[in-house]
Amino acid sequence: MNLRANLCCCLNVPMDMVTPRQTEILALARSQGRVIVDDLAARFNVTPQTIRKDLNELCDRRLLQRVHGGAVAGSGIENLGYEARRLIAQDEKRSIGRRAAELVPDNSSLFINIGTTTEEVARALQGRSGLVVITNNINVANLLRPEPHIEVIVAGGVVRRSDGGIVGEAAIDFFNQFMVDFAVVGASAIDETGALLDFDYREVRVSQAIMANARHVILVADRSKLERTAPVRIGHISQVHTFVTDALPSERLARICRESGVRVEEVFPERASEPEPQD
């Protein structure tokens, strides 16, 4: 069996559906989480227009999802692997994390839920003092555990091996015992109607408890979340007080935020107006 046949077999894609280049693009997307048009054009020594055509065809077949500047793996019912998600919009997530951390003053209490962007908030909180951080994210706990002036409290429940998240009824009951100053939450997708969406019903129920027991809810999500979909509803963006993102290109969602009194913090606002190149 040749390399292409092996890749198609591993990806469960019939060989006659994709070209050899598209097969390699699929493999890269699965391993890295996201592929970028310009990077692929350089890799395969073709024009960006050729790559966009490849991506559009793969997205038409629901093998990838188109995002600004490239495409991501994953479908509307199943999330990407956690390590792959870490690779998506890394710079944006770091900047979002730093800005969200600036909104949390010392000597306050906060929830931090599951997600690669919320982990960046935790990373940016290192070195702070007087914080009480309550989380169902083992990765967040590990980031903040060594901090001498931050108390870390971890929810009880079932730990998911895939991402270190703690979910289940015990975690819901745990969060319902508190009323904290801030909640830092993420979402797998944000619909233009303002719906906040995720993939795991158990995780969603924990996120709902987190949002219900905080005085100020901070949503952290990069713009690619506006280009994805997921099947389970966490809530609505009107339940959020501050939305920290790299850019908000959707005027419809921006209007909903304004009408709902949601403060939007864009760390790269100029990107909201960047047009997606067309074929």
Protein backbone atom coordinates (compact mmCIF):
# COMPACT_ATOMS: atom_id res chain seq x y z
CA MET A 1 0.00 0.00 0.00
CA ASN A 2 1.46 3.39 -1.01
CA LEU A 3 1.63 6.52 1.14
CA ARG A 4 -1.52 8.03 -0.29
CA ALA A 5 -3.50 4.83 0.20
CA ASN A 6 -2.23 4.62 3.77
CA LEU A 7 -3.29 8.21 4.47
CA CYS A 8 -6.72 7.71 2.95
CA CYS A 9 -7.18 4.53 4.98
CA CYS A 10 -6.16 6.26 8.23
CA LEU A 11 -8.42 9.22 7.48
CA ASN A 12 -11.28 6.99 6.32
CA VAL A 13 -11.49 8.89 3.02
CA PRO A 14 -12.05 7.11 -0.35
CA MET A 15 -9.09 7.69 -2.67
CA ASP A 16 -11.31 8.72 -5.58
CA MET A 17 -12.75 11.62 -3.55
CA VAL A 18 -9.49 13.52 -3.10
CA THR A 19 -6.34 14.32 -5.05
CA PRO A 20 -2.90 13.39 -3.67
CA ARG A 21 -2.31 16.99 -2.58
CA GLN A 22 -5.70 17.15 -0.87
CA THR A 23 -4.91 13.91 0.95
CA GLU A 24 -1.74 15.45 2.36
CA ILE A 25 -3.66 18.60 3.31
CA LEU A 26 -6.15 16.46 5.22
CA ALA A 27 -3.33 14.67 7.04
CA LEU A 28 -1.74 18.00 8.00
CA ALA A 29 -5.06 19.34 9.24
CA ARG A 30 -5.64 16.26 11.36
CA SER A 31 -2.18 16.40 12.91
CA GLN A 32 -1.96 20.19 13.40
CA GLY A 33 -5.60 21.11 13.87
CA ARG A 34 -5.43 23.94 11.32
CA VAL A 35 -3.89 24.56 7.90
CA ILE A 36 -3.07 28.01 6.48
CA VAL A 37 -3.44 28.91 2.81
CA ASP A 38 -0.08 30.68 2.47
CA ASP A 39 1.80 27.90 4.27
CA LEU A 40 0.24 25.24 2.05
CA ALA A 41 0.97 27.25 -1.11
CA ALA A 42 4.65 27.42 -0.14
CA ARG A 43 4.77 23.77 0.87
CA PHE A 44 3.29 22.50 -2.41
CA ASN A 45 4.76 25.25 -4.61
CA VAL A 46 1.37 26.27 -6.00
CA THR A 47 -0.62 29.50 -5.92
CA PRO A 48 -2.82 30.47 -2.96
CA GLN A 49 -5.79 30.34 -5.35
CA THR A 50 -5.06 26.66 -6.04
CA ILE A 51 -4.94 25.91 -2.32
CA ARG A 52 -8.20 27.79 -1.71
CA LYS A 53 -9.83 25.65 -4.41
CA ASP A 54 -8.53 22.51 -2.65
CA LEU A 55 -9.84 23.70 0.70
CA ASN A 56 -13.21 24.66 -0.72
CA GLU A 57 -13.60 21.21 -2.28
CA LEU A 58 -12.61 19.50 0.98
CA CYS A 59 -15.04 21.68 2.91
CA ASP A 60 -17.82 20.98 0.40
CA ARG A 61 -17.28 17.30 1.18
CA ARG A 62 -17.35 18.10 4.92
CA LEU A 63 -13.83 16.81 5.40
CA LEU A 64 -12.62 20.20 6.69
CA GLN A 65 -14.21 23.41 7.96
CA ARG A 66 -13.22 26.72 6.38
CA VAL A 67 -11.91 29.45 8.68
CA HIS A 68 -10.32 32.80 7.95
CA GLY A 69 -7.04 32.19 6.13
CA GLY A 70 -7.31 28.41 6.01
CA ALA A 71 -9.30 25.49 7.35
CA VAL A 72 -9.63 23.31 10.43
CA ALA A 73 -10.30 19.63 10.94
CA GLY A 74 -13.39 18.45 12.77
CA SER A 75 -17.09 18.30 12.13
CA GLY A 76 -20.08 19.99 13.63
CA ILE A 77 -20.71 17.14 16.05
CA GLU A 78 -17.21 16.16 17.18
CA ASN A 79 -14.51 18.43 18.53
CA LEU A 80 -10.85 18.38 17.54
CA GLY A 81 -8.32 16.65 19.74
CA TYR A 82 -7.05 18.82 22.58
CA GLU A 83 -3.45 19.01 21.38
CA ALA A 84 -4.64 19.95 17.90
CA ARG A 85 -6.79 22.71 19.38
CA ARG A 86 -3.74 24.11 21.16
CA LEU A 87 -2.15 24.76 17.76
CA ILE A 88 -5.06 26.81 16.42
CA ALA A 89 -4.68 30.61 16.72
CA GLN A 90 -1.88 30.31 19.28
CA ASP A 91 -0.83 33.97 19.15
CA GLU A 92 -4.43 35.14 19.33
CA LYS A 93 -5.14 32.93 22.34
CA ARG A 94 -2.08 34.23 24.18
CA SER A 95 -3.12 37.83 23.58
CA ILE A 96 -6.70 37.09 24.58
CA GLY A 97 -5.43 35.38 27.73
CA ARG A 98 -3.29 38.36 28.70
CA ARG A 99 -6.11 40.84 28.16
CA ALA A 100 -8.65 38.75 30.09
CA ALA A 101 -6.19 38.37 32.98
CA GLU A 102 -5.84 42.15 33.13
CA LEU A 103 -9.59 42.38 33.83
CA VAL A 104 -9.23 40.30 36.99
CA PRO A 105 -7.86 42.35 39.91
CA ASP A 106 -5.73 40.92 42.69
CA ASN A 107 -7.56 39.73 45.79
CA SER A 108 -10.53 38.35 43.88
CA SER A 109 -12.10 34.95 43.31
CA LEU A 110 -12.75 33.36 39.95
CA PHE A 111 -13.84 30.26 38.09
CA ILE A 112 -11.87 29.02 35.07
CA ASN A 113 -13.42 26.30 32.94
CA ILE A 114 -12.12 23.83 30.35
CA GLY A 115 -10.41 25.10 27.20
CA THR A 116 -7.14 25.99 25.56
CA THR A 117 -7.96 29.71 25.64
CA THR A 118 -8.93 29.66 29.31
CA GLU A 119 -5.59 27.98 29.98
CA GLU A 120 -3.88 31.01 28.44
CA VAL A 121 -5.76 33.20 30.92
CA ALA A 122 -4.42 31.04 33.75
CA ARG A 123 -0.91 31.32 32.33
CA ALA A 124 -1.24 35.11 32.29
CA LEU A 125 -2.35 35.08 35.94
CA GLN A 126 0.96 33.58 37.07
CA GLY A 127 2.76 35.93 39.42
CA ARG A 128 -0.43 37.55 40.69
CA SER A 129 -1.43 37.66 44.34
CA GLY A 130 -4.49 37.19 46.50
CA LEU A 131 -6.43 35.14 43.94
CA VAL A 132 -8.68 32.19 44.66
CA VAL A 133 -9.01 30.14 41.47
CA ILE A 134 -11.68 27.44 41.31
CA THR A 135 -11.48 25.20 38.27
CA ASN A 136 -12.55 21.96 36.62
CA ASN A 137 -9.48 22.08 34.39
CA ILE A 138 -6.51 20.00 35.57
CA ASN A 139 -4.22 21.89 33.21
CA VAL A 140 -5.19 25.20 34.83
CA ALA A 141 -4.58 23.72 38.27
CA ASN A 142 -1.12 22.53 37.24
CA LEU A 143 -0.25 25.96 35.81
CA LEU A 144 -1.22 27.82 38.99
CA ARG A 145 -0.37 25.22 41.65
CA PRO A 146 3.23 26.48 42.15
CA GLU A 147 2.12 30.10 42.62
CA PRO A 148 2.68 31.05 46.29
CA HIS A 149 0.00 33.76 46.38
CA ILE A 150 -2.77 31.97 44.47
CA GLU A 151 -5.06 29.43 46.14
CA VAL A 152 -6.26 26.75 43.73
CA ILE A 153 -9.41 24.72 44.37
CA VAL A 154 -10.21 21.83 42.02
CA ALA A 155 -13.67 20.41 41.39
CA GLY A 156 -14.36 16.75 42.05
CA GLY A 157 -15.71 14.43 39.42
CA VAL A 158 -14.69 12.36 36.43
CA VAL A 159 -11.43 13.46 34.77
CA ARG A 160 -11.44 13.18 30.98
CA ARG A 161 -8.18 11.71 29.75
CA SER A 162 -8.45 13.63 26.49
CA ASP A 163 -8.09 17.11 27.98
CA GLY A 164 -7.90 17.02 31.77
CA GLY A 165 -11.41 18.39 32.15
CA ILE A 166 -13.56 17.40 35.13
CA VAL A 167 -17.23 16.88 34.33
CA GLY A 168 -20.30 15.25 35.78
CA GLU A 169 -22.92 15.83 38.48
CA ALA A 170 -20.34 16.12 41.26
CA ALA A 171 -18.64 19.00 39.44
CA ILE A 172 -21.99 20.77 38.93
CA ASP A 173 -22.85 20.45 42.64
CA PHE A 174 -19.36 21.69 43.51
CA PHE A 175 -19.64 24.93 41.54
CA ASN A 176 -23.13 25.58 42.89
CA GLN A 177 -21.60 25.98 46.36
CA PHE A 178 -19.79 29.20 45.38
CA MET A 179 -20.51 32.78 44.36
CA VAL A 180 -17.32 34.25 42.90
CA ASP A 181 -16.28 37.62 41.49
CA PHE A 182 -15.42 36.42 37.97
CA ALA A 183 -15.93 33.45 35.68
CA VAL A 184 -13.59 32.91 32.74
CA VAL A 185 -15.31 30.65 30.22
CA GLY A 186 -14.68 29.45 26.70
CA ALA A 187 -16.91 28.00 23.99
CA SER A 188 -16.26 25.69 21.06
CA ALA A 189 -18.44 27.75 18.74
CA ILE A 190 -20.40 31.01 18.72
CA ASP A 191 -23.40 31.32 16.45
CA GLU A 192 -24.25 34.64 14.78
CA THR A 193 -27.48 34.63 16.81
CA GLY A 194 -25.35 34.87 19.94
CA ALA A 195 -25.75 31.24 21.00
CA LEU A 196 -22.70 29.82 22.80
CA LEU A 197 -22.14 26.21 21.77
CA ASP A 198 -20.10 23.18 22.76
CA PHE A 199 -19.81 19.46 22.03
CA ASP A 200 -20.15 17.63 25.36
CA TYR A 201 -23.46 17.86 27.20
CA ARG A 202 -21.75 17.07 30.51
CA GLU A 203 -19.24 19.88 30.02
CA VAL A 204 -21.99 22.29 29.03
CA ARG A 205 -23.90 21.67 32.25
CA VAL A 206 -20.78 22.46 34.29
CA SER A 207 -20.21 25.65 32.26
CA GLN A 208 -23.80 26.69 32.92
CA ALA A 209 -23.26 26.29 36.67
CA ILE A 210 -20.05 28.31 36.41
CA MET A 211 -21.80 31.18 34.63
CA ALA A 212 -24.75 31.14 37.03
CA ASN A 213 -22.53 31.52 40.11
CA ALA A 214 -20.29 34.42 39.08
CA ARG A 215 -20.89 38.16 39.39
CA HIS A 216 -19.00 38.94 36.18
CA VAL A 217 -18.67 36.48 33.27
CA ILE A 218 -15.74 36.87 30.87
CA LEU A 219 -16.02 34.94 27.60
CA VAL A 220 -12.69 34.26 25.88
CA ALA A 221 -12.78 33.03 22.28
CA ASP A 222 -10.86 33.76 19.09
CA ARG A 223 -12.62 34.67 15.86
CA SER A 224 -12.38 31.14 14.43
CA LYS A 225 -15.12 30.13 16.90
CA LEU A 226 -17.53 32.24 14.84
CA GLU A 227 -16.77 30.02 11.86
CA ARG A 228 -17.45 26.73 13.63
CA THR A 229 -20.55 24.97 14.86
CA ALA A 230 -21.34 22.58 17.71
CA PRO A 231 -24.56 20.82 18.75
CA VAL A 232 -25.04 21.68 22.45
CA ARG A 233 -26.12 25.08 23.70
CA ILE A 234 -24.29 26.55 26.71
CA GLY A 235 -26.31 29.75 26.76
CA HIS A 236 -26.43 33.13 25.05
CA ILE A 237 -23.84 35.86 24.75
CA SER A 238 -26.26 38.20 26.53
CA GLN A 239 -25.41 36.25 29.71
CA VAL A 240 -21.80 37.44 29.36
CA HIS A 241 -20.52 40.74 30.74
CA THR A 242 -17.24 40.96 28.78
CA PHE A 243 -16.25 39.20 25.55
CA VAL A 244 -12.50 39.11 24.90
CA THR A 245 -11.54 38.10 21.36
CA ASP A 246 -8.88 38.83 18.77
CA ALA A 247 -11.43 40.42 16.41
CA LEU A 248 -15.19 40.47 15.89
CA PRO A 249 -15.91 40.53 12.15
CA SER A 250 -19.62 39.74 12.47
CA GLU A 251 -21.63 42.94 12.54
CA ARG A 252 -24.72 40.97 13.52
CA LEU A 253 -23.03 39.54 16.60
CA ALA A 254 -21.45 42.90 17.41
CA ARG A 255 -24.92 44.47 17.34
CA ILE A 256 -26.28 41.78 19.68
CA CYS A 257 -23.43 42.51 22.07
CA ARG A 258 -24.16 46.24 22.00
CA GLU A 259 -27.88 45.73 22.54
CA SER A 260 -27.24 43.30 25.40
CA GLY A 261 -24.69 45.52 27.13
CA VAL A 262 -21.81 43.11 26.52
CA ARG A 263 -18.44 44.85 26.56
CA VAL A 264 -16.30 43.61 23.64
CA GLU A 265 -12.52 43.70 23.99
CA GLU A 266 -10.72 43.11 20.67
CA VAL A 267 -6.97 42.53 21.00
CA PHE A 268 -6.44 42.72 17.21
CA PRO A 269 -9.43 44.85 16.10
CA GLU A 270 -7.90 45.62 12.69
CA ARG A 271 -8.32 41.97 11.72
CA ALA A 272 -12.09 42.27 11.89
CA SER A 273 -12.05 44.21 8.63
CA GLU A 274 -9.53 42.05 6.79
CA PRO A 275 -11.25 40.56 3.73
CA GLU A 276 -10.87 36.87 3.00
CA PRO A 277 -9.12 36.59 -0.39
CA GLN A 278 -11.38 35.15 -3.08
CA ASP A 279 -10.53 32.73 -5.86
